[in-house]
Amino acid sequence: HFAADTTDSGVRALNAGVDMEMGIFQPAFEHLTQAIDD
C-alpha cells in the first residue's frame, strides 16, 4: 500500500534506485515502457 498500482510500483522502484526487477509473476517493470511514454 505504498504504490497506487503495478505501473506505479515499477516507476517508484526504478526512480528509487533499482536497476533490475527479479520477477516471478508479471513484473512491474513490464509497465515501464508506457510509463516512459507518459
PDB file of all heavy atoms in Angstrom:
ATOM      1  N   HIS A   1       0.834  -1.208   0.000  1.00  0.00           N
ATOM      2  CA  HIS A   1       0.000   0.000   0.000  1.00  0.00           C
ATOM      3  C   HIS A   1       0.870   1.258   0.000  1.00  0.00           C
ATOM      4  O   HIS A   1       0.570   2.258   0.646  1.00  0.00           O
ATOM      5  CB  HIS A   1      -0.968   0.014   1.187  1.00  0.00           C
ATOM      6  CG  HIS A   1      -2.072  -0.991   1.053  1.00  0.00           C
ATOM      7  ND1 HIS A   1      -3.110  -1.101   1.953  1.00  0.00           N
ATOM      8  CD2 HIS A   1      -2.307  -1.954   0.110  1.00  0.00           C
ATOM      9  CE1 HIS A   1      -3.940  -2.076   1.585  1.00  0.00           C
ATOM     10  NE2 HIS A   1      -3.455  -2.609   0.459  1.00  0.00           N
ATOM     11  N   PHE A   2       1.945   1.152  -0.749  1.00  0.00           N
ATOM     12  CA  PHE A   2       2.877   2.268  -0.943  1.00  0.00           C
ATOM     13  C   PHE A   2       2.683   2.848  -2.340  1.00  0.00           C
ATOM     14  O   PHE A   2       2.611   4.058  -2.513  1.00  0.00           O
ATOM     15  CB  PHE A   2       4.301   1.734  -0.752  1.00  0.00           C
ATOM     16  CG  PHE A   2       5.393   2.733  -0.985  1.00  0.00           C
ATOM     17  CD1 PHE A   2       5.612   3.765  -0.086  1.00  0.00           C
ATOM     18  CD2 PHE A   2       6.230   2.624  -2.096  1.00  0.00           C
ATOM     19  CE1 PHE A   2       6.649   4.677  -0.290  1.00  0.00           C
ATOM     20  CE2 PHE A   2       7.259   3.519  -2.305  1.00  0.00           C
ATOM     21  CZ  PHE A   2       7.474   4.559  -1.401  1.00  0.00           C
ATOM     22  N   ALA A   3       2.599   1.969  -3.324  1.00  0.00           N
ATOM     23  CA  ALA A   3       2.359   2.385  -4.707  1.00  0.00           C
ATOM     24  C   ALA A   3       0.878   2.209  -5.041  1.00  0.00           C
ATOM     25  O   ALA A   3       0.187   1.354  -4.488  1.00  0.00           O
ATOM     26  CB  ALA A   3       3.211   1.557  -5.661  1.00  0.00           C
ATOM     27  N   ALA A   4       0.409   3.033  -5.987  1.00  0.00           N
ATOM     28  CA  ALA A   4      -1.014   3.033  -6.327  1.00  0.00           C
ATOM     29  C   ALA A   4      -1.429   1.799  -7.108  1.00  0.00           C
ATOM     30  O   ALA A   4      -2.535   1.282  -6.930  1.00  0.00           O
ATOM     31  CB  ALA A   4      -1.350   4.292  -7.128  1.00  0.00           C
ATOM     32  N   ASP A   5      -0.537   1.325  -7.989  1.00  0.00           N
ATOM     33  CA  ASP A   5      -0.845   0.172  -8.823  1.00  0.00           C
ATOM     34  C   ASP A   5       0.470  -0.414  -9.316  1.00  0.00           C
ATOM     35  O   ASP A   5       1.554   0.039  -8.925  1.00  0.00           O
ATOM     36  CB  ASP A   5      -1.765   0.555  -9.991  1.00  0.00           C
ATOM     37  CG  ASP A   5      -1.246   1.750 -10.779  1.00  0.00           C
ATOM     38  OD1 ASP A   5      -0.005   1.900 -10.906  1.00  0.00           O
ATOM     39  OD2 ASP A   5      -2.069   2.540 -11.278  1.00  0.00           O
ATOM     40  N   THR A   6       0.392  -1.419 -10.187  1.00  0.00           N
ATOM     41  CA  THR A   6       1.595  -2.096 -10.649  1.00  0.00           C
ATOM     42  C   THR A   6       2.511  -1.163 -11.423  1.00  0.00           C
ATOM     43  O   THR A   6       3.740  -1.205 -11.260  1.00  0.00           O
ATOM     44  CB  THR A   6       1.224  -3.316 -11.511  1.00  0.00           C
ATOM     45  OG1 THR A   6       0.379  -4.180 -10.756  1.00  0.00           O
ATOM     46  CG2 THR A   6       2.465  -4.086 -11.930  1.00  0.00           C
ATOM     47  N   THR A   7       1.937  -0.305 -12.265  1.00  0.00           N
ATOM     48  CA  THR A   7       2.763   0.644 -13.015  1.00  0.00           C
ATOM     49  C   THR A   7       3.481   1.586 -12.069  1.00  0.00           C
ATOM     50  O   THR A   7       4.687   1.843 -12.215  1.00  0.00           O
ATOM     51  CB  THR A   7       1.892   1.443 -14.007  1.00  0.00           C
ATOM     52  OG1 THR A   7       1.275   0.537 -14.914  1.00  0.00           O
ATOM     53  CG2 THR A   7       2.740   2.445 -14.778  1.00  0.00           C
ATOM     54  N   ASP A   8       2.753   2.096 -11.092  1.00  0.00           N
ATOM     55  CA  ASP A   8       3.350   2.997 -10.107  1.00  0.00           C
ATOM     56  C   ASP A   8       4.452   2.290  -9.327  1.00  0.00           C
ATOM     57  O   ASP A   8       5.476   2.893  -8.983  1.00  0.00           O
ATOM     58  CB  ASP A   8       2.258   3.506  -9.162  1.00  0.00           C
ATOM     59  CG  ASP A   8       2.741   4.648  -8.275  1.00  0.00           C
ATOM     60  OD1 ASP A   8       3.515   5.497  -8.765  1.00  0.00           O
ATOM     61  OD2 ASP A   8       2.346   4.689  -7.088  1.00  0.00           O
ATOM     62  N   SER A   9       4.270   0.993  -9.067  1.00  0.00           N
ATOM     63  CA  SER A   9       5.302   0.221  -8.366  1.00  0.00           C
ATOM     64  C   SER A   9       6.606   0.223  -9.149  1.00  0.00           C
ATOM     65  O   SER A   9       7.695   0.453  -8.587  1.00  0.00           O
ATOM     66  CB  SER A   9       4.836  -1.225  -8.162  1.00  0.00           C
ATOM     67  OG  SER A   9       3.737  -1.289  -7.298  1.00  0.00           O
ATOM     68  N   GLY A  10       6.527  -0.052 -10.454  1.00  0.00           N
ATOM     69  CA  GLY A  10       7.725  -0.054 -11.280  1.00  0.00           C
ATOM     70  C   GLY A  10       8.390   1.302 -11.344  1.00  0.00           C
ATOM     71  O   GLY A  10       9.621   1.415 -11.266  1.00  0.00           O
ATOM     72  N   VAL A  11       7.590   2.336 -11.486  1.00  0.00           N
ATOM     73  CA  VAL A  11       8.117   3.704 -11.564  1.00  0.00           C
ATOM     74  C   VAL A  11       8.849   4.058 -10.280  1.00  0.00           C
ATOM     75  O   VAL A  11       9.975   4.578 -10.299  1.00  0.00           O
ATOM     76  CB  VAL A  11       6.972   4.702 -11.830  1.00  0.00           C
ATOM     77  CG1 VAL A  11       7.452   6.141 -11.653  1.00  0.00           C
ATOM     78  CG2 VAL A  11       6.407   4.497 -13.228  1.00  0.00           C
ATOM     79  N   ARG A  12       8.236   3.767  -9.132  1.00  0.00           N
ATOM     80  CA  ARG A  12       8.818   4.180  -7.858  1.00  0.00           C
ATOM     81  C   ARG A  12      10.065   3.361  -7.521  1.00  0.00           C
ATOM     82  O   ARG A  12      11.015   3.883  -6.929  1.00  0.00           O
ATOM     83  CB  ARG A  12       7.761   4.089  -6.761  1.00  0.00           C
ATOM     84  CG  ARG A  12       6.594   5.045  -7.029  1.00  0.00           C
ATOM     85  CD  ARG A  12       5.570   5.060  -5.934  1.00  0.00           C
ATOM     86  NE  ARG A  12       6.030   5.794  -4.765  1.00  0.00           N
ATOM     87  CZ  ARG A  12       5.221   6.168  -3.761  1.00  0.00           C
ATOM     88  NH1 ARG A  12       3.932   5.886  -3.814  1.00  0.00           N
ATOM     89  NH2 ARG A  12       5.699   6.817  -2.724  1.00  0.00           N
ATOM     90  N   ALA A  13      10.071   2.076  -7.895  1.00  0.00           N
ATOM     91  CA  ALA A  13      11.269   1.262  -7.657  1.00  0.00           C
ATOM     92  C   ALA A  13      12.430   1.759  -8.500  1.00  0.00           C
ATOM     93  O   ALA A  13      13.557   1.923  -8.003  1.00  0.00           O
ATOM     94  CB  ALA A  13      10.976  -0.205  -7.962  1.00  0.00           C
ATOM     95  N   LEU A  14      12.190   1.990  -9.785  1.00  0.00           N
ATOM     96  CA  LEU A  14      13.260   2.465 -10.665  1.00  0.00           C
ATOM     97  C   LEU A  14      13.776   3.823 -10.208  1.00  0.00           C
ATOM     98  O   LEU A  14      14.995   4.039 -10.117  1.00  0.00           O
ATOM     99  CB  LEU A  14      12.760   2.549 -12.104  1.00  0.00           C
ATOM    100  CG  LEU A  14      13.836   2.919 -13.128  1.00  0.00           C
ATOM    101  CD1 LEU A  14      14.740   1.728 -13.411  1.00  0.00           C
ATOM    102  CD2 LEU A  14      13.204   3.422 -14.427  1.00  0.00           C
ATOM    103  N   ASN A  15      12.877   4.734  -9.920  1.00  0.00           N
ATOM    104  CA  ASN A  15      13.301   6.075  -9.515  1.00  0.00           C
ATOM    105  C   ASN A  15      13.989   6.086  -8.156  1.00  0.00           C
ATOM    106  O   ASN A  15      14.791   6.980  -7.863  1.00  0.00           O
ATOM    107  CB  ASN A  15      12.107   7.023  -9.516  1.00  0.00           C
ATOM    108  CG  ASN A  15      11.654   7.387 -10.918  1.00  0.00           C
ATOM    109  OD1 ASN A  15      12.427   7.294 -11.873  1.00  0.00           O
ATOM    110  ND2 ASN A  15      10.400   7.789 -11.060  1.00  0.00           N
ATOM    111  N   ALA A  16      13.700   5.084  -7.332  1.00  0.00           N
ATOM    112  CA  ALA A  16      14.369   4.995  -6.036  1.00  0.00           C
ATOM    113  C   ALA A  16      15.814   4.534  -6.169  1.00  0.00           C
ATOM    114  O   ALA A  16      16.651   4.854  -5.323  1.00  0.00           O
ATOM    115  CB  ALA A  16      13.612   4.044  -5.116  1.00  0.00           C
ATOM    116  N   GLY A  17      16.101   3.764  -7.242  1.00  0.00           N
ATOM    117  CA  GLY A  17      17.471   3.286  -7.426  1.00  0.00           C
ATOM    118  C   GLY A  17      17.592   1.844  -7.839  1.00  0.00           C
ATOM    119  O   GLY A  17      18.707   1.325  -7.985  1.00  0.00           O
ATOM    120  N   VAL A  18      16.472   1.131  -8.028  1.00  0.00           N
ATOM    121  CA  VAL A  18      16.517  -0.243  -8.522  1.00  0.00           C
ATOM    122  C   VAL A  18      16.866  -0.231 -10.007  1.00  0.00           C
ATOM    123  O   VAL A  18      16.323   0.554 -10.771  1.00  0.00           O
ATOM    124  CB  VAL A  18      15.157  -0.941  -8.302  1.00  0.00           C
ATOM    125  CG1 VAL A  18      15.103  -2.264  -9.056  1.00  0.00           C
ATOM    126  CG2 VAL A  18      14.907  -1.164  -6.815  1.00  0.00           C
ATOM    127  N   ASP A  19      17.771  -1.130 -10.421  1.00  0.00           N
ATOM    128  CA  ASP A  19      18.161  -1.224 -11.831  1.00  0.00           C
ATOM    129  C   ASP A  19      17.520  -2.409 -12.540  1.00  0.00           C
ATOM    130  O   ASP A  19      17.341  -2.383 -13.755  1.00  0.00           O
ATOM    131  CB  ASP A  19      19.691  -1.351 -11.946  1.00  0.00           C
ATOM    132  CG  ASP A  19      20.405  -0.147 -11.388  1.00  0.00           C
ATOM    133  OD1 ASP A  19      20.073   0.975 -11.787  1.00  0.00           O
ATOM    134  OD2 ASP A  19      21.292  -0.337 -10.532  1.00  0.00           O
ATOM    135  N   MET A  20      17.225  -3.479 -11.797  1.00  0.00           N
ATOM    136  CA  MET A  20      16.636  -4.677 -12.402  1.00  0.00           C
ATOM    137  C   MET A  20      15.621  -5.261 -11.439  1.00  0.00           C
ATOM    138  O   MET A  20      15.865  -5.320 -10.239  1.00  0.00           O
ATOM    139  CB  MET A  20      17.716  -5.715 -12.718  1.00  0.00           C
ATOM    140  CG  MET A  20      17.176  -7.025 -13.297  1.00  0.00           C
ATOM    141  SD  MET A  20      18.478  -8.269 -13.608  1.00  0.00           S
ATOM    142  CE  MET A  20      19.202  -7.614 -15.122  1.00  0.00           C
ATOM    143  N   GLU A  21      14.482  -5.688 -11.994  1.00  0.00           N
ATOM    144  CA  GLU A  21      13.486  -6.344 -11.164  1.00  0.00           C
ATOM    145  C   GLU A  21      13.547  -7.849 -11.371  1.00  0.00           C
ATOM    146  O   GLU A  21      13.498  -8.339 -12.499  1.00  0.00           O
ATOM    147  CB  GLU A  21      12.076  -5.858 -11.493  1.00  0.00           C
ATOM    148  CG  GLU A  21      11.012  -6.533 -10.628  1.00  0.00           C
ATOM    149  CD  GLU A  21       9.588  -6.132 -10.949  1.00  0.00           C
ATOM    150  OE1 GLU A  21       9.377  -5.465 -11.977  1.00  0.00           O
ATOM    151  OE2 GLU A  21       8.690  -6.479 -10.178  1.00  0.00           O
ATOM    152  N   MET A  22      13.637  -8.582 -10.258  1.00  0.00           N
ATOM    153  CA  MET A  22      13.512 -10.036 -10.290  1.00  0.00           C
ATOM    154  C   MET A  22      12.026 -10.360 -10.212  1.00  0.00           C
ATOM    155  O   MET A  22      11.372 -10.028  -9.216  1.00  0.00           O
ATOM    156  CB  MET A  22      14.255 -10.664  -9.110  1.00  0.00           C
ATOM    157  CG  MET A  22      14.187 -12.183  -9.069  1.00  0.00           C
ATOM    158  SD  MET A  22      14.688 -12.871  -7.461  1.00  0.00           S
ATOM    159  CE  MET A  22      16.379 -12.317  -7.348  1.00  0.00           C
ATOM    160  N   GLY A  23      11.502 -10.982 -11.250  1.00  0.00           N
ATOM    161  CA  GLY A  23      10.068 -11.184 -11.302  1.00  0.00           C
ATOM    162  C   GLY A  23       9.656 -12.629 -11.427  1.00  0.00           C
ATOM    163  O   GLY A  23      10.254 -13.394 -12.182  1.00  0.00           O
ATOM    164  N   ILE A  24       8.638 -13.003 -10.680  1.00  0.00           N
ATOM    165  CA  ILE A  24       8.019 -14.317 -10.837  1.00  0.00           C
ATOM    166  C   ILE A  24       6.709 -14.154 -11.605  1.00  0.00           C
ATOM    167  O   ILE A  24       6.474 -14.789 -12.611  1.00  0.00           O
ATOM    168  CB  ILE A  24       7.738 -14.973  -9.475  1.00  0.00           C
ATOM    169  CG1 ILE A  24       9.009 -15.096  -8.644  1.00  0.00           C
ATOM    170  CG2 ILE A  24       7.122 -16.352  -9.658  1.00  0.00           C
ATOM    171  CD1 ILE A  24       8.779 -15.642  -7.240  1.00  0.00           C
ATOM    172  N   PHE A  25       5.871 -13.272 -11.100  1.00  0.00           N
ATOM    173  CA  PHE A  25       4.544 -13.084 -11.680  1.00  0.00           C
ATOM    174  C   PHE A  25       4.449 -11.702 -12.328  1.00  0.00           C
ATOM    175  O   PHE A  25       4.232 -10.701 -11.655  1.00  0.00           O
ATOM    176  CB  PHE A  25       3.475 -13.231 -10.599  1.00  0.00           C
ATOM    177  CG  PHE A  25       3.569 -14.502  -9.815  1.00  0.00           C
ATOM    178  CD1 PHE A  25       4.012 -14.495  -8.506  1.00  0.00           C
ATOM    179  CD2 PHE A  25       3.231 -15.713 -10.383  1.00  0.00           C
ATOM    180  CE1 PHE A  25       4.103 -15.671  -7.774  1.00  0.00           C
ATOM    181  CE2 PHE A  25       3.319 -16.897  -9.660  1.00  0.00           C
ATOM    182  CZ  PHE A  25       3.753 -16.880  -8.353  1.00  0.00           C
ATOM    183  N   GLN A  26       4.614 -11.623 -13.626  1.00  0.00           N
ATOM    184  CA  GLN A  26       4.417 -10.404 -14.413  1.00  0.00           C
ATOM    185  C   GLN A  26       5.008  -9.162 -13.718  1.00  0.00           C
ATOM    186  O   GLN A  26       4.304  -8.393 -13.080  1.00  0.00           O
ATOM    187  CB  GLN A  26       2.931 -10.208 -14.689  1.00  0.00           C
ATOM    188  CG  GLN A  26       2.351 -11.353 -15.522  1.00  0.00           C
ATOM    189  CD  GLN A  26       0.855 -11.268 -15.693  1.00  0.00           C
ATOM    190  OE1 GLN A  26       0.136 -11.027 -14.736  1.00  0.00           O
ATOM    191  NE2 GLN A  26       0.398 -11.460 -16.913  1.00  0.00           N
ATOM    192  N   PRO A  27       6.300  -8.976 -13.824  1.00  0.00           N
ATOM    193  CA  PRO A  27       6.994  -7.902 -13.108  1.00  0.00           C
ATOM    194  C   PRO A  27       6.414  -6.519 -13.386  1.00  0.00           C
ATOM    195  O   PRO A  27       5.884  -6.243 -14.461  1.00  0.00           O
ATOM    196  CB  PRO A  27       8.421  -8.003 -13.644  1.00  0.00           C
ATOM    197  CG  PRO A  27       8.547  -9.376 -14.192  1.00  0.00           C
ATOM    198  CD  PRO A  27       7.200  -9.756 -14.678  1.00  0.00           C
ATOM    199  N   ALA A  28       6.549  -5.659 -12.397  1.00  0.00           N
ATOM    200  CA  ALA A  28       6.092  -4.279 -12.549  1.00  0.00           C
ATOM    201  C   ALA A  28       6.864  -3.559 -13.645  1.00  0.00           C
ATOM    202  O   ALA A  28       6.333  -2.658 -14.300  1.00  0.00           O
ATOM    203  CB  ALA A  28       6.247  -3.541 -11.219  1.00  0.00           C
ATOM    204  N   PHE A  29       8.129  -3.961 -13.864  1.00  0.00           N
ATOM    205  CA  PHE A  29       8.945  -3.288 -14.881  1.00  0.00           C
ATOM    206  C   PHE A  29       8.415  -3.535 -16.297  1.00  0.00           C
ATOM    207  O   PHE A  29       8.801  -2.819 -17.221  1.00  0.00           O
ATOM    208  CB  PHE A  29      10.404  -3.739 -14.774  1.00  0.00           C
ATOM    209  CG  PHE A  29      11.218  -2.956 -13.765  1.00  0.00           C
ATOM    210  CD1 PHE A  29      10.604  -2.280 -12.725  1.00  0.00           C
ATOM    211  CD2 PHE A  29      12.603  -2.910 -13.846  1.00  0.00           C
ATOM    212  CE1 PHE A  29      11.349  -1.555 -11.790  1.00  0.00           C
ATOM    213  CE2 PHE A  29      13.359  -2.196 -12.922  1.00  0.00           C
ATOM    214  CZ  PHE A  29      12.726  -1.518 -11.893  1.00  0.00           C
ATOM    215  N   GLU A  30       7.538  -4.513 -16.467  1.00  0.00           N
ATOM    216  CA  GLU A  30       6.924  -4.698 -17.781  1.00  0.00           C
ATOM    217  C   GLU A  30       6.104  -3.479 -18.198  1.00  0.00           C
ATOM    218  O   GLU A  30       5.819  -3.280 -19.378  1.00  0.00           O
ATOM    219  CB  GLU A  30       6.020  -5.940 -17.769  1.00  0.00           C
ATOM    220  CG  GLU A  30       6.775  -7.257 -17.707  1.00  0.00           C
ATOM    221  CD  GLU A  30       5.869  -8.470 -17.745  1.00  0.00           C
ATOM    222  OE1 GLU A  30       4.648  -8.312 -17.506  1.00  0.00           O
ATOM    223  OE2 GLU A  30       6.377  -9.578 -18.010  1.00  0.00           O
ATOM    224  N   HIS A  31       5.739  -2.648 -17.227  1.00  0.00           N
ATOM    225  CA  HIS A  31       4.920  -1.466 -17.498  1.00  0.00           C
ATOM    226  C   HIS A  31       5.757  -0.203 -17.693  1.00  0.00           C
ATOM    227  O   HIS A  31       5.189   0.882 -17.878  1.00  0.00           O
ATOM    228  CB  HIS A  31       3.935  -1.244 -16.345  1.00  0.00           C
ATOM    229  CG  HIS A  31       2.973  -2.379 -16.137  1.00  0.00           C
ATOM    230  ND1 HIS A  31       1.704  -2.389 -16.672  1.00  0.00           N
ATOM    231  CD2 HIS A  31       3.110  -3.550 -15.466  1.00  0.00           C
ATOM    232  CE1 HIS A  31       1.090  -3.514 -16.334  1.00  0.00           C
ATOM    233  NE2 HIS A  31       1.932  -4.237 -15.597  1.00  0.00           N
ATOM    234  N   LEU A  32       7.081  -0.323 -17.637  1.00  0.00           N
ATOM    235  CA  LEU A  32       7.919   0.876 -17.706  1.00  0.00           C
ATOM    236  C   LEU A  32       7.860   1.564 -19.065  1.00  0.00           C
ATOM    237  O   LEU A  32       7.974   2.791 -19.148  1.00  0.00           O
ATOM    238  CB  LEU A  32       9.370   0.525 -17.369  1.00  0.00           C
ATOM    239  CG  LEU A  32       9.694   0.293 -15.886  1.00  0.00           C
ATOM    240  CD1 LEU A  32      11.171  -0.054 -15.720  1.00  0.00           C
ATOM    241  CD2 LEU A  32       9.348   1.522 -15.046  1.00  0.00           C
ATOM    242  N   THR A  33       7.706   0.812 -20.134  1.00  0.00           N
ATOM    243  CA  THR A  33       7.675   1.442 -21.461  1.00  0.00           C
ATOM    244  C   THR A  33       6.563   2.468 -21.536  1.00  0.00           C
ATOM    245  O   THR A  33       6.774   3.607 -22.003  1.00  0.00           O
ATOM    246  CB  THR A  33       7.489   0.372 -22.556  1.00  0.00           C
ATOM    247  OG1 THR A  33       8.565  -0.559 -22.479  1.00  0.00           O
ATOM    248  CG2 THR A  33       7.484   1.018 -23.943  1.00  0.00           C
ATOM    249  N   GLN A  34       5.376   2.092 -21.053  1.00  0.00           N
ATOM    250  CA  GLN A  34       4.259   3.041 -21.063  1.00  0.00           C
ATOM    251  C   GLN A  34       4.530   4.196 -20.118  1.00  0.00           C
ATOM    252  O   GLN A  34       4.211   5.356 -20.418  1.00  0.00           O
ATOM    253  CB  GLN A  34       2.965   2.327 -20.653  1.00  0.00           C
ATOM    254  CG  GLN A  34       1.714   3.201 -20.753  1.00  0.00           C
ATOM    255  CD  GLN A  34       1.452   3.688 -22.163  1.00  0.00           C
ATOM    256  OE1 GLN A  34       1.443   2.907 -23.113  1.00  0.00           O
ATOM    257  NE2 GLN A  34       1.284   5.005 -22.331  1.00  0.00           N
ATOM    258  N   ALA A  35       5.129   3.911 -18.970  1.00  0.00           N
ATOM    259  CA  ALA A  35       5.429   4.970 -18.009  1.00  0.00           C
ATOM    260  C   ALA A  35       6.420   5.976 -18.585  1.00  0.00           C
ATOM    261  O   ALA A  35       6.326   7.187 -18.318  1.00  0.00           O
ATOM    262  CB  ALA A  35       5.981   4.357 -16.721  1.00  0.00           C
ATOM    263  N   ILE A  36       7.373   5.490 -19.376  1.00  0.00           N
ATOM    264  CA  ILE A  36       8.326   6.393 -20.033  1.00  0.00           C
ATOM    265  C   ILE A  36       7.595   7.268 -21.044  1.00  0.00           C
ATOM    266  O   ILE A  36       7.792   8.492 -21.106  1.00  0.00           O
ATOM    267  CB  ILE A  36       9.443   5.585 -20.715  1.00  0.00           C
ATOM    268  CG1 ILE A  36      10.287   4.852 -19.657  1.00  0.00           C
ATOM    269  CG2 ILE A  36      10.331   6.488 -21.568  1.00  0.00           C
ATOM    270  CD1 ILE A  36      11.168   3.762 -20.222  1.00  0.00           C
ATOM    271  N   ASP A  37       6.729   6.635 -21.820  1.00  0.00           N
ATOM    272  CA  ASP A  37       5.955   7.403 -22.806  1.00  0.00           C
ATOM    273  C   ASP A  37       5.086   8.455 -22.132  1.00  0.00           C
ATOM    274  O   ASP A  37       4.858   9.542 -22.692  1.00  0.00           O
ATOM    275  CB  ASP A  37       5.067   6.454 -23.626  1.00  0.00           C
ATOM    276  CG  ASP A  37       5.876   5.552 -24.549  1.00  0.00           C
ATOM    277  OD1 ASP A  37       7.058   5.880 -24.801  1.00  0.00           O
ATOM    278  OD2 ASP A  37       5.340   4.530 -24.992  1.00  0.00           O
ATOM    279  N   ASP A  38       4.604   8.144 -20.926  1.00  0.00           N
ATOM    280  CA  ASP A  38       3.741   9.082 -20.198  1.00  0.00           C
ATOM    281  C   ASP A  38       4.531  10.140 -19.438  1.00  0.00           C
ATOM    282  O   ASP A  38       3.936  10.994 -18.768  1.00  0.00           O
ATOM    283  CB  ASP A  38       2.862   8.311 -19.206  1.00  0.00           C
ATOM    284  CG  ASP A  38       1.850   7.404 -19.898  1.00  0.00           C
ATOM    285  OD1 ASP A  38       1.607   7.612 -21.105  1.00  0.00           O
ATOM    286  OD2 ASP A  38       1.321   6.493 -19.235  1.00  0.00           O
TER     287      ASP A  38
END
